[in-house]
Amino acid sequence: MKPPIFIDDQGDVLIFDSLMRAESYLEPSDVKCGRIAIFDSEGRILHPSVHEVNQKIAFFWTRTCERIVLEPLEGGAKHPMKLRSLLVDFLSKIIPTTEPLISYPLEKLVEMSLKFKIE
């Protein structure tokens, strides 16, 4: 997986500079609904899953928490055109340009989108 990570939440695009930031941002309820699409910067589709982990609270006490884990789909196939389309739609709404964003290569669109990453 190659950051940044892009999450398409029904038209709203969330951008994270690391896998760990994306995993910590996602809610288990979002993942369980299955309504989000997640890509790395090369268009590789990432599959979110919810894992239960035991978290130590005090010396004797633990609690079970849910944690999101993102992994590439089996085979790691890339879908750069899907990511490219997502970024063109997203960036065209917020960045004025003299030439159509559709003519930009994926790498340039990824670079442009980093201005809007979630800190």
Protein backbone atom coordinates (compact mmCIF):
# COMPACT_ATOMS: atom_id res chain seq x y z
CA MET A 1 0.00 0.00 0.00
CA LYS A 2 1.26 3.40 -0.93
CA PRO A 3 -0.04 6.46 0.93
CA PRO A 4 -1.86 8.75 0.81
CA ILE A 5 -5.07 6.88 1.52
CA PHE A 6 -8.36 8.07 -0.03
CA ILE A 7 -11.76 7.26 1.43
CA ASP A 8 -14.84 7.84 -0.71
CA ASP A 9 -17.69 8.28 1.71
CA GLN A 10 -20.57 8.68 -0.75
CA GLY A 11 -19.05 11.62 -2.60
CA ASP A 12 -17.13 13.13 0.28
CA VAL A 13 -13.41 12.36 -0.11
CA LEU A 14 -11.26 12.02 2.99
CA ILE A 15 -7.48 12.07 2.48
CA PHE A 16 -4.93 10.71 4.94
CA ASP A 17 -1.15 10.78 4.70
CA SER A 18 -0.77 7.39 6.38
CA LEU A 19 -2.55 4.07 6.69
CA MET A 20 -2.57 4.39 10.48
CA ARG A 21 -4.36 7.76 10.37
CA ALA A 22 -7.01 6.38 8.02
CA GLU A 23 -7.57 3.32 10.21
CA SER A 24 -7.91 5.42 13.36
CA TYR A 25 -10.37 7.82 11.68
CA LEU A 26 -12.80 5.17 10.46
CA GLU A 27 -15.68 4.09 12.67
CA PRO A 28 -16.69 0.41 12.94
CA SER A 29 -20.29 1.38 12.05
CA ASP A 30 -19.09 2.91 8.74
CA VAL A 31 -17.21 -0.25 7.89
CA LYS A 32 -20.06 -2.56 8.86
CA CYS A 33 -22.46 -0.61 6.61
CA GLY A 34 -20.14 -1.26 3.68
CA ARG A 35 -20.85 2.11 2.08
CA ILE A 36 -17.28 3.38 1.71
CA ALA A 37 -14.61 2.79 -0.91
CA ILE A 38 -10.95 3.07 0.05
CA PHE A 39 -7.91 3.45 -2.24
CA ASP A 40 -4.20 3.94 -1.89
CA SER A 41 -2.41 6.45 -4.12
CA GLU A 42 -1.97 3.92 -6.94
CA GLY A 43 -5.64 2.97 -7.08
CA ARG A 44 -5.28 -0.26 -5.10
CA ILE A 45 -8.61 -1.00 -3.40
CA LEU A 46 -8.27 -1.48 0.34
CA HIS A 47 -10.65 -3.67 2.29
CA PRO A 48 -11.61 -2.50 5.79
CA SER A 49 -12.32 -5.04 8.48
CA VAL A 50 -13.26 -4.73 12.13
CA HIS A 51 -11.09 -6.57 14.65
CA GLU A 52 -11.78 -6.94 18.34
CA VAL A 53 -8.78 -6.25 20.56
CA ASN A 54 -8.35 -6.37 24.30
CA GLN A 55 -7.17 -3.10 25.75
CA LYS A 56 -5.58 -3.01 29.18
CA ILE A 57 -7.17 -0.34 31.37
CA ALA A 58 -5.54 -1.06 34.70
CA PHE A 59 -3.41 -3.77 36.20
CA PHE A 60 -6.18 -6.39 36.28
CA TRP A 61 -8.84 -4.92 34.01
CA THR A 62 -9.16 -5.09 30.27
CA ARG A 63 -11.89 -4.11 27.88
CA THR A 64 -12.70 -5.25 24.38
CA CYS A 65 -12.49 -2.57 21.69
CA GLU A 66 -13.06 -2.60 17.97
CA ARG A 67 -10.20 -1.59 15.69
CA ILE A 68 -10.26 -1.01 11.93
CA VAL A 69 -7.65 -2.71 9.78
CA LEU A 70 -7.14 -1.83 6.09
CA GLU A 71 -5.65 -4.43 3.77
CA PRO A 72 -5.40 -4.68 -0.01
CA LEU A 73 -7.99 -6.87 -1.66
CA GLU A 74 -6.69 -10.31 -2.54
CA GLY A 75 -4.39 -10.09 -5.53
CA GLY A 76 -3.74 -6.39 -4.92
CA ALA A 77 -5.25 -5.37 -8.28
CA LYS A 78 -5.05 -1.66 -9.00
CA HIS A 79 -7.93 0.45 -10.26
CA PRO A 80 -6.28 3.77 -11.08
CA MET A 81 -9.14 4.93 -13.29
CA LYS A 82 -11.64 4.66 -10.40
CA LEU A 83 -9.36 6.68 -8.14
CA ARG A 84 -8.65 9.16 -10.93
CA SER A 85 -12.38 9.69 -11.53
CA LEU A 86 -12.98 10.16 -7.80
CA LEU A 87 -10.21 12.76 -7.54
CA VAL A 88 -11.28 14.63 -10.68
CA ASP A 89 -14.83 14.93 -9.31
CA PHE A 90 -13.60 15.98 -5.88
CA LEU A 91 -10.95 18.48 -6.99
CA SER A 92 -13.10 20.06 -9.71
CA LYS A 93 -15.54 21.18 -7.00
CA ILE A 94 -12.89 22.95 -4.92
CA ILE A 95 -10.01 24.02 -7.19
CA PRO A 96 -10.43 26.46 -10.07
CA THR A 97 -8.23 25.48 -13.04
CA THR A 98 -7.73 26.83 -16.53
CA GLU A 99 -7.57 23.38 -18.07
CA PRO A 100 -9.84 20.42 -17.30
CA LEU A 101 -8.62 18.18 -14.49
CA ILE A 102 -9.52 15.17 -16.61
CA SER A 103 -6.33 15.80 -18.58
CA TYR A 104 -4.10 15.53 -15.48
CA PRO A 105 -2.26 12.27 -14.74
CA LEU A 106 -3.19 10.39 -11.57
CA GLU A 107 0.10 11.34 -9.89
CA LYS A 108 -0.66 15.06 -10.32
CA LEU A 109 -4.21 14.65 -8.98
CA VAL A 110 -2.85 12.81 -5.93
CA GLU A 111 -0.32 15.60 -5.36
CA MET A 112 -3.00 18.28 -5.67
CA SER A 113 -5.31 16.48 -3.26
CA LEU A 114 -2.73 16.44 -0.46
CA LYS A 115 -3.59 20.06 0.31
CA PHE A 116 -6.88 18.73 1.69
CA LYS A 117 -5.59 15.86 3.83
CA ILE A 118 -6.99 15.37 7.31
CA GLU A 119 -4.48 16.11 10.03
